[in-house]
Amino acid sequence: MIGAWHHVIGGFRQGRRTPNGNETLWIKLRQLSNRDTSVQMWDWDTDWDAIAAFVLRTSRPDPAIYVYGYSWGGGWGFVRFAAGLRARPDGAPRGAVRRGLPLARPADLAAGQSAIAEALAGDRGTGQRA
C-alpha cells in the first residue's frame, strides 16, 4: 500500500512530446519514489474520478497526497482530483489533498522549488508528517 503520493499535473498546452517544466519537476521528485511513495505525472484532462478511486484503493489509511499543478493542471486537474477524493465514501477521512501548487507560467517553476525542498526535507515522501 502507498503511504505518500506526488502528482505533477500538466497544463492545457503541455504534453509528453516535448520537454517542459513539469517533466523537470517530475524528474526531481522521482528521487522520493520507493515502494511506499508514488510519483506520477498526469495530463490536466485525465479521468480524475478514476485516479482518485485508484489512489484510495491502493493507499494506506491517511496517505500524504501532494499535487503540483501547472495552469489547467492546477485550475482543472487539481480541483477535479480533490473533488473525486472527497466524493468517494471511503475517501472522506483519508483522501484530503495535502499540497496544491498551481503555477501560472513555466518561469514560475522556481516558486515550486520551496515545495520540492519541503517534500524532500520534510517527510522524505514516507507519508509521515514532519
Protein backbone atom coordinates (compact mmCIF):
# COMPACT_ATOMS: atom_id res chain seq x y z
CA MET A 1 0.00 0.00 0.00
CA ILE A 2 1.15 3.52 -0.80
CA GLY A 3 1.69 5.99 2.04
CA ALA A 4 2.61 9.09 0.01
CA TRP A 5 1.66 10.32 -3.45
CA HIS A 6 3.20 13.11 -5.52
CA HIS A 7 1.10 14.08 -8.58
CA VAL A 8 2.51 16.51 -11.16
CA ILE A 9 -0.30 17.76 -13.42
CA GLY A 10 0.48 19.50 -16.72
CA GLY A 11 -1.31 22.45 -18.25
CA PHE A 12 -3.54 22.77 -21.31
CA ARG A 13 -0.69 23.06 -23.84
CA GLN A 14 1.78 20.74 -22.15
CA GLY A 15 2.09 17.19 -23.31
CA ARG A 16 4.67 14.46 -23.28
CA ARG A 17 6.01 15.00 -26.81
CA THR A 18 8.47 17.71 -25.80
CA PRO A 19 10.40 18.51 -22.61
CA ASN A 20 8.75 21.01 -20.27
CA GLY A 21 8.91 22.32 -16.71
CA ASN A 22 6.52 19.69 -15.38
CA GLU A 23 8.80 16.96 -16.66
CA THR A 24 11.74 18.64 -14.91
CA LEU A 25 9.75 18.81 -11.67
CA TRP A 26 8.67 15.16 -12.03
CA ILE A 27 12.31 14.08 -12.54
CA LYS A 28 13.35 15.94 -9.37
CA LEU A 29 10.52 14.42 -7.36
CA ARG A 30 11.33 10.91 -8.61
CA GLN A 31 14.13 10.69 -6.05
CA LEU A 32 11.34 10.29 -3.46
CA SER A 33 9.97 7.22 -5.22
CA ASN A 34 10.14 3.93 -3.35
CA ARG A 35 7.79 1.06 -2.54
CA ASP A 36 5.81 3.33 -0.17
CA THR A 37 5.90 6.51 -2.28
CA SER A 38 4.50 7.01 -5.77
CA VAL A 39 5.47 9.92 -8.05
CA GLN A 40 3.20 10.36 -11.06
CA MET A 41 2.85 12.80 -13.96
CA TRP A 42 -0.60 13.42 -15.47
CA ASP A 43 -2.31 15.48 -18.16
CA TRP A 44 -4.81 18.08 -16.94
CA ASP A 45 -7.77 16.25 -18.52
CA THR A 46 -7.08 12.82 -17.02
CA ASP A 47 -10.06 10.83 -15.70
CA TRP A 48 -9.71 12.22 -12.16
CA ASP A 49 -12.52 10.15 -10.67
CA ALA A 50 -10.70 7.01 -11.77
CA ILE A 51 -7.37 8.29 -10.42
CA ALA A 52 -8.99 9.22 -7.09
CA ALA A 53 -10.55 5.76 -6.82
CA PHE A 54 -7.19 4.12 -7.63
CA VAL A 55 -5.30 6.26 -5.10
CA LEU A 56 -7.77 5.47 -2.31
CA ARG A 57 -7.90 1.78 -3.18
CA THR A 58 -4.11 1.37 -3.16
CA SER A 59 -3.22 3.67 -0.24
CA ARG A 60 -2.60 3.10 3.42
CA PRO A 61 -5.06 4.89 5.72
CA ASP A 62 -4.45 8.65 5.74
CA PRO A 63 -1.95 8.90 2.86
CA ALA A 64 0.01 12.09 2.24
CA ILE A 65 -1.09 13.43 -1.15
CA TYR A 66 0.92 16.22 -2.79
CA VAL A 67 -0.37 17.82 -6.00
CA TYR A 68 1.75 20.11 -8.19
CA GLY A 69 -0.44 21.65 -10.89
CA TYR A 70 0.56 23.96 -13.72
CA SER A 71 -2.06 26.16 -15.39
CA TRP A 72 -5.08 23.94 -16.21
CA GLY A 73 -3.39 21.24 -14.15
CA GLY A 74 -3.93 23.41 -11.08
CA GLY A 75 -7.21 25.03 -12.08
CA TRP A 76 -8.91 21.95 -13.53
CA GLY A 77 -6.98 18.77 -12.76
CA PHE A 78 -6.22 19.59 -9.12
CA VAL A 79 -9.82 20.67 -8.45
CA ARG A 80 -11.33 17.57 -10.13
CA PHE A 81 -8.91 15.22 -8.37
CA ALA A 82 -9.71 16.76 -4.97
CA ALA A 83 -13.43 16.51 -5.71
CA GLY A 84 -13.00 12.87 -6.72
CA LEU A 85 -11.24 12.12 -3.44
CA ARG A 86 -13.95 13.84 -1.39
CA ALA A 87 -16.82 12.24 -3.33
CA ARG A 88 -15.82 8.69 -2.52
CA PRO A 89 -17.41 7.38 0.68
CA ASP A 90 -14.22 5.56 1.63
CA GLY A 91 -12.13 8.68 0.97
CA ALA A 92 -13.61 11.22 3.34
CA PRO A 93 -11.14 10.84 6.20
CA ARG A 94 -8.11 9.71 4.23
CA GLY A 95 -8.33 11.43 0.87
CA ALA A 96 -7.53 15.03 1.63
CA VAL A 97 -5.19 16.70 -0.85
CA ARG A 98 -2.26 17.93 1.16
CA ARG A 99 -0.48 20.23 -1.25
CA GLY A 100 -1.71 22.25 -4.20
CA LEU A 101 0.73 24.25 -6.24
CA PRO A 102 -0.94 25.93 -9.22
CA LEU A 103 1.66 27.68 -11.37
CA ALA A 104 0.87 30.45 -13.81
CA ARG A 105 3.89 30.33 -16.17
CA PRO A 106 6.79 27.96 -16.84
CA ALA A 107 9.07 30.58 -15.27
CA ASP A 108 7.10 30.13 -12.04
CA LEU A 109 8.59 26.67 -11.58
CA ALA A 110 11.21 28.40 -9.46
CA ALA A 111 8.40 29.10 -6.98
CA GLY A 112 7.85 25.38 -6.83
CA GLN A 113 11.36 24.77 -5.58
CA SER A 114 10.30 25.53 -2.00
CA ALA A 115 7.55 22.91 -2.22
CA ILE A 116 10.04 20.42 -3.63
CA ALA A 117 12.53 21.23 -0.86
CA GLU A 118 9.77 20.81 1.72
CA ALA A 119 8.80 17.46 0.24
CA LEU A 120 12.40 16.29 0.11
CA ALA A 121 13.40 17.55 3.57
CA GLY A 122 10.09 17.19 5.43
CA ASP A 123 8.80 13.66 5.45
CA ARG A 124 11.11 12.22 2.76
CA GLY A 125 7.97 11.05 0.96
CA THR A 126 7.12 8.43 3.54
CA GLY A 127 3.75 9.91 4.41
CA GLN A 128 4.86 10.74 7.96
CA ARG A 129 4.09 14.31 8.88
CA ALA A 130 7.14 16.45 9.65
